[in-house]
Amino acid sequence: MYAGLWRIIPGPWFVKLFVFVVLFAAVVYVLFFHAYPWVMQTFFQTPDVTVGES
């Protein structure tokens, strides 16, 4: 998979490396801040814990 991406990205190796790192960072950002929270809220709901007054 990575070799296929490396062949598709145009330019010399340092441009390919820069584009690859930016794409990787974008994927990590989307997963951490959008995909994982959605999965946790949708499929692994945690009960709301409240402390009642005595």
PDB file of N, CA and C in Angstrom:
ATOM      1  N   MET A   1       0.822  -1.181   0.000  1.00  0.00           N
ATOM      2  CA  MET A   1       0.000   0.000   0.000  1.00  0.00           C
ATOM      3  C   MET A   1       0.873   1.255   0.000  1.00  0.00           C
ATOM      4  N   TYR A   2       1.875   1.286   0.859  1.00  0.00           N
ATOM      5  CA  TYR A   2       2.729   2.465   0.928  1.00  0.00           C
ATOM      6  C   TYR A   2       3.564   2.623  -0.330  1.00  0.00           C
ATOM      7  N   ALA A   3       3.980   1.508  -0.911  1.00  0.00           N
ATOM      8  CA  ALA A   3       4.747   1.583  -2.165  1.00  0.00           C
ATOM      9  C   ALA A   3       3.868   2.134  -3.280  1.00  0.00           C
ATOM     10  N   GLY A   4       2.594   1.762  -3.293  1.00  0.00           N
ATOM     11  CA  GLY A   4       1.674   2.299  -4.300  1.00  0.00           C
ATOM     12  C   GLY A   4       1.490   3.798  -4.144  1.00  0.00           C
ATOM     13  N   LEU A   5       1.350   4.259  -2.903  1.00  0.00           N
ATOM     14  CA  LEU A   5       1.246   5.701  -2.662  1.00  0.00           C
ATOM     15  C   LEU A   5       2.524   6.419  -3.065  1.00  0.00           C
ATOM     16  N   TRP A   6       3.639   5.802  -2.771  1.00  0.00           N
ATOM     17  CA  TRP A   6       4.930   6.411  -3.097  1.00  0.00           C
ATOM     18  C   TRP A   6       5.071   6.583  -4.610  1.00  0.00           C
ATOM     19  N   ARG A   7       4.584   5.615  -5.397  1.00  0.00           N
ATOM     20  CA  ARG A   7       4.669   5.715  -6.856  1.00  0.00           C
ATOM     21  C   ARG A   7       3.680   6.723  -7.419  1.00  0.00           C
ATOM     22  N   ILE A   8       2.536   6.902  -6.753  1.00  0.00           N
ATOM     23  CA  ILE A   8       1.507   7.812  -7.261  1.00  0.00           C
ATOM     24  C   ILE A   8       1.869   9.277  -7.030  1.00  0.00           C
ATOM     25  N   ILE A   9       2.487   9.584  -5.894  1.00  0.00           N
ATOM     26  CA  ILE A   9       2.810  10.974  -5.554  1.00  0.00           C
ATOM     27  C   ILE A   9       3.898  11.472  -6.504  1.00  0.00           C
ATOM     28  N   PRO A  10       3.633  12.615  -7.183  1.00  0.00           N
ATOM     29  CA  PRO A  10       4.621  13.126  -8.149  1.00  0.00           C
ATOM     30  C   PRO A  10       5.766  13.869  -7.465  1.00  0.00           C
ATOM     31  N   GLY A  11       6.875  13.984  -8.161  1.00  0.00           N
ATOM     32  CA  GLY A  11       7.992  14.792  -7.694  1.00  0.00           C
ATOM     33  C   GLY A  11       9.164  13.975  -7.201  1.00  0.00           C
ATOM     34  N   PRO A  12      10.232  14.685  -6.821  1.00  0.00           N
ATOM     35  CA  PRO A  12      11.405  14.009  -6.260  1.00  0.00           C
ATOM     36  C   PRO A  12      11.099  13.446  -4.873  1.00  0.00           C
ATOM     37  N   TRP A  13      12.040  12.693  -4.321  1.00  0.00           N
ATOM     38  CA  TRP A  13      11.772  11.953  -3.081  1.00  0.00           C
ATOM     39  C   TRP A  13      11.435  12.858  -1.907  1.00  0.00           C
ATOM     40  N   PHE A  14      12.060  14.061  -1.811  1.00  0.00           N
ATOM     41  CA  PHE A  14      11.787  14.917  -0.660  1.00  0.00           C
ATOM     42  C   PHE A  14      10.381  15.526  -0.750  1.00  0.00           C
ATOM     43  N   VAL A  15       9.888  15.775  -1.959  1.00  0.00           N
ATOM     44  CA  VAL A  15       8.514  16.253  -2.117  1.00  0.00           C
ATOM     45  C   VAL A  15       7.543  15.120  -1.795  1.00  0.00           C
ATOM     46  N   LYS A  16       7.857  13.926  -2.249  1.00  0.00           N
ATOM     47  CA  LYS A  16       7.022  12.762  -1.941  1.00  0.00           C
ATOM     48  C   LYS A  16       6.953  12.539  -0.435  1.00  0.00           C
ATOM     49  N   LEU A  17       8.086  12.647   0.222  1.00  0.00           N
ATOM     50  CA  LEU A  17       8.128  12.452   1.670  1.00  0.00           C
ATOM     51  C   LEU A  17       7.286  13.500   2.388  1.00  0.00           C
ATOM     52  N   PHE A  18       7.405  14.758   1.957  1.00  0.00           N
ATOM     53  CA  PHE A  18       6.623  15.828   2.575  1.00  0.00           C
ATOM     54  C   PHE A  18       5.128  15.599   2.387  1.00  0.00           C
ATOM     55  N   VAL A  19       4.708  15.275   1.176  1.00  0.00           N
ATOM     56  CA  VAL A  19       3.293  15.025   0.893  1.00  0.00           C
ATOM     57  C   VAL A  19       2.809  13.820   1.684  1.00  0.00           C
ATOM     58  N   PHE A  20       3.611  12.776   1.753  1.00  0.00           N
ATOM     59  CA  PHE A  20       3.241  11.574   2.491  1.00  0.00           C
ATOM     60  C   PHE A  20       3.068  11.877   3.973  1.00  0.00           C
ATOM     61  N   VAL A  21       3.960  12.650   4.554  1.00  0.00           N
ATOM     62  CA  VAL A  21       3.861  13.002   5.982  1.00  0.00           C
ATOM     63  C   VAL A  21       2.626  13.859   6.233  1.00  0.00           C
ATOM     64  N   VAL A  22       2.340  14.795   5.349  1.00  0.00           N
ATOM     65  CA  VAL A  22       1.149  15.633   5.513  1.00  0.00           C
ATOM     66  C   VAL A  22      -0.115  14.792   5.409  1.00  0.00           C
ATOM     67  N   LEU A  23      -0.177  13.877   4.445  1.00  0.00           N
ATOM     68  CA  LEU A  23      -1.338  12.996   4.319  1.00  0.00           C
ATOM     69  C   LEU A  23      -1.505  12.109   5.550  1.00  0.00           C
ATOM     70  N   PHE A  24      -0.410  11.571   6.052  1.00  0.00           N
ATOM     71  CA  PHE A  24      -0.452  10.729   7.239  1.00  0.00           C
ATOM     72  C   PHE A  24      -0.945  11.525   8.447  1.00  0.00           C
ATOM     73  N   ALA A  25      -0.437  12.750   8.606  1.00  0.00           N
ATOM     74  CA  ALA A  25      -0.872  13.595   9.721  1.00  0.00           C
ATOM     75  C   ALA A  25      -2.355  13.938   9.603  1.00  0.00           C
ATOM     76  N   ALA A  26      -2.841  14.169   8.396  1.00  0.00           N
ATOM     77  CA  ALA A  26      -4.256  14.472   8.204  1.00  0.00           C
ATOM     78  C   ALA A  26      -5.124  13.276   8.568  1.00  0.00           C
ATOM     79  N   VAL A  27      -4.700  12.094   8.187  1.00  0.00           N
ATOM     80  CA  VAL A  27      -5.461  10.886   8.533  1.00  0.00           C
ATOM     81  C   VAL A  27      -5.484  10.676  10.037  1.00  0.00           C
ATOM     82  N   VAL A  28      -4.367  10.847  10.693  1.00  0.00           N
ATOM     83  CA  VAL A  28      -4.295  10.697  12.151  1.00  0.00           C
ATOM     84  C   VAL A  28      -5.185  11.734  12.833  1.00  0.00           C
ATOM     85  N   TYR A  29      -5.164  12.976  12.358  1.00  0.00           N
ATOM     86  CA  TYR A  29      -6.004  14.023  12.933  1.00  0.00           C
ATOM     87  C   TYR A  29      -7.484  13.670  12.815  1.00  0.00           C
ATOM     88  N   VAL A  30      -7.894  13.259  11.626  1.00  0.00           N
ATOM     89  CA  VAL A  30      -9.310  12.923  11.414  1.00  0.00           C
ATOM     90  C   VAL A  30      -9.716  11.745  12.291  1.00  0.00           C
ATOM     91  N   LEU A  31      -8.866  10.756  12.410  1.00  0.00           N
ATOM     92  CA  LEU A  31      -9.210   9.609  13.247  1.00  0.00           C
ATOM     93  C   LEU A  31      -9.328   9.996  14.715  1.00  0.00           C
ATOM     94  N   PHE A  32      -8.358  10.731  15.242  1.00  0.00           N
ATOM     95  CA  PHE A  32      -8.356  11.048  16.664  1.00  0.00           C
ATOM     96  C   PHE A  32      -9.448  12.026  17.062  1.00  0.00           C
ATOM     97  N   PHE A  33      -9.744  13.011  16.214  1.00  0.00           N
ATOM     98  CA  PHE A  33     -10.666  14.059  16.624  1.00  0.00           C
ATOM     99  C   PHE A  33     -12.070  13.928  16.050  1.00  0.00           C
ATOM    100  N   HIS A  34     -12.287  13.010  15.117  1.00  0.00           N
ATOM    101  CA  HIS A  34     -13.620  12.857  14.549  1.00  0.00           C
ATOM    102  C   HIS A  34     -14.109  11.410  14.570  1.00  0.00           C
ATOM    103  N   ALA A  35     -13.332  10.493  14.075  1.00  0.00           N
ATOM    104  CA  ALA A  35     -13.797   9.107  13.951  1.00  0.00           C
ATOM    105  C   ALA A  35     -13.873   8.401  15.303  1.00  0.00           C
ATOM    106  N   TYR A  36     -12.804   8.433  16.075  1.00  0.00           N
ATOM    107  CA  TYR A  36     -12.808   7.716  17.349  1.00  0.00           C
ATOM    108  C   TYR A  36     -13.858   8.258  18.332  1.00  0.00           C
ATOM    109  N   PRO A  37     -13.999   9.565  18.498  1.00  0.00           N
ATOM    110  CA  PRO A  37     -15.059  10.040  19.401  1.00  0.00           C
ATOM    111  C   PRO A  37     -16.456   9.624  18.935  1.00  0.00           C
ATOM    112  N   TRP A  38     -16.698   9.636  17.629  1.00  0.00           N
ATOM    113  CA  TRP A  38     -18.005   9.206  17.120  1.00  0.00           C
ATOM    114  C   TRP A  38     -18.250   7.735  17.431  1.00  0.00           C
ATOM    115  N   VAL A  39     -17.235   6.902  17.227  1.00  0.00           N
ATOM    116  CA  VAL A  39     -17.380   5.474  17.520  1.00  0.00           C
ATOM    117  C   VAL A  39     -17.637   5.268  19.009  1.00  0.00           C
ATOM    118  N   MET A  40     -16.927   5.961  19.854  1.00  0.00           N
ATOM    119  CA  MET A  40     -17.108   5.789  21.293  1.00  0.00           C
ATOM    120  C   MET A  40     -18.498   6.238  21.735  1.00  0.00           C
ATOM    121  N   GLN A  41     -19.000   7.332  21.185  1.00  0.00           N
ATOM    122  CA  GLN A  41     -20.335   7.799  21.566  1.00  0.00           C
ATOM    123  C   GLN A  41     -21.424   6.913  21.000  1.00  0.00           C
ATOM    124  N   THR A  42     -21.214   6.362  19.828  1.00  0.00           N
ATOM    125  CA  THR A  42     -22.251   5.592  19.168  1.00  0.00           C
ATOM    126  C   THR A  42     -22.324   4.163  19.682  1.00  0.00           C
ATOM    127  N   PHE A  43     -21.201   3.499  19.820  1.00  0.00           N
ATOM    128  CA  PHE A  43     -21.189   2.074  20.101  1.00  0.00           C
ATOM    129  C   PHE A  43     -20.820   1.717  21.534  1.00  0.00           C
ATOM    130  N   PHE A  44     -20.116   2.594  22.235  1.00  0.00           N
ATOM    131  CA  PHE A  44     -19.676   2.297  23.597  1.00  0.00           C
ATOM    132  C   PHE A  44     -20.138   3.405  24.536  1.00  0.00           C
ATOM    133  N   GLN A  45     -21.428   3.507  24.689  1.00  0.00           N
ATOM    134  CA  GLN A  45     -21.964   4.572  25.518  1.00  0.00           C
ATOM    135  C   GLN A  45     -21.677   4.291  26.984  1.00  0.00           C
ATOM    136  N   THR A  46     -21.170   5.297  27.657  1.00  0.00           N
ATOM    137  CA  THR A  46     -20.901   5.165  29.082  1.00  0.00           C
ATOM    138  C   THR A  46     -22.062   5.792  29.848  1.00  0.00           C
ATOM    139  N   PRO A  47     -22.425   5.224  30.965  1.00  0.00           N
ATOM    140  CA  PRO A  47     -23.534   5.802  31.737  1.00  0.00           C
ATOM    141  C   PRO A  47     -23.117   7.136  32.338  1.00  0.00           C
ATOM    142  N   ASP A  48     -24.070   8.045  32.391  1.00  0.00           N
ATOM    143  CA  ASP A  48     -23.810   9.336  33.014  1.00  0.00           C
ATOM    144  C   ASP A  48     -23.843   9.168  34.523  1.00  0.00           C
ATOM    145  N   VAL A  49     -22.756   9.500  35.159  1.00  0.00           N
ATOM    146  CA  VAL A  49     -22.668   9.363  36.604  1.00  0.00           C
ATOM    147  C   VAL A  49     -22.972  10.709  37.217  1.00  0.00           C
ATOM    148  N   THR A  50     -23.976  10.718  38.095  1.00  0.00           N
ATOM    149  CA  THR A  50     -24.310  11.945  38.809  1.00  0.00           C
ATOM    150  C   THR A  50     -24.279  11.679  40.299  1.00  0.00           C
ATOM    151  N   VAL A  51     -23.928  12.673  41.030  1.00  0.00           N
ATOM    152  CA  VAL A  51     -23.896  12.561  42.481  1.00  0.00           C
ATOM    153  C   VAL A  51     -25.124  13.283  42.999  1.00  0.00           C
ATOM    154  N   GLY A  52     -25.985  12.515  43.627  1.00  0.00           N
ATOM    155  CA  GLY A  52     -27.218  13.092  44.143  1.00  0.00           C
ATOM    156  C   GLY A  52     -27.011  13.775  45.486  1.00  0.00           C
ATOM    157  N   GLU A  53     -27.962  14.664  45.805  1.00  0.00           N
ATOM    158  CA  GLU A  53     -27.896  15.348  47.090  1.00  0.00           C
ATOM    159  C   GLU A  53     -28.483  14.446  48.166  1.00  0.00           C
ATOM    160  N   SER A  54     -27.834  14.379  49.325  1.00  0.00           N
ATOM    161  CA  SER A  54     -28.320  13.520  50.404  1.00  0.00           C
ATOM    162  C   SER A  54     -29.134  14.286  51.396  1.00  0.00           C
TER     163      SER A  54
END
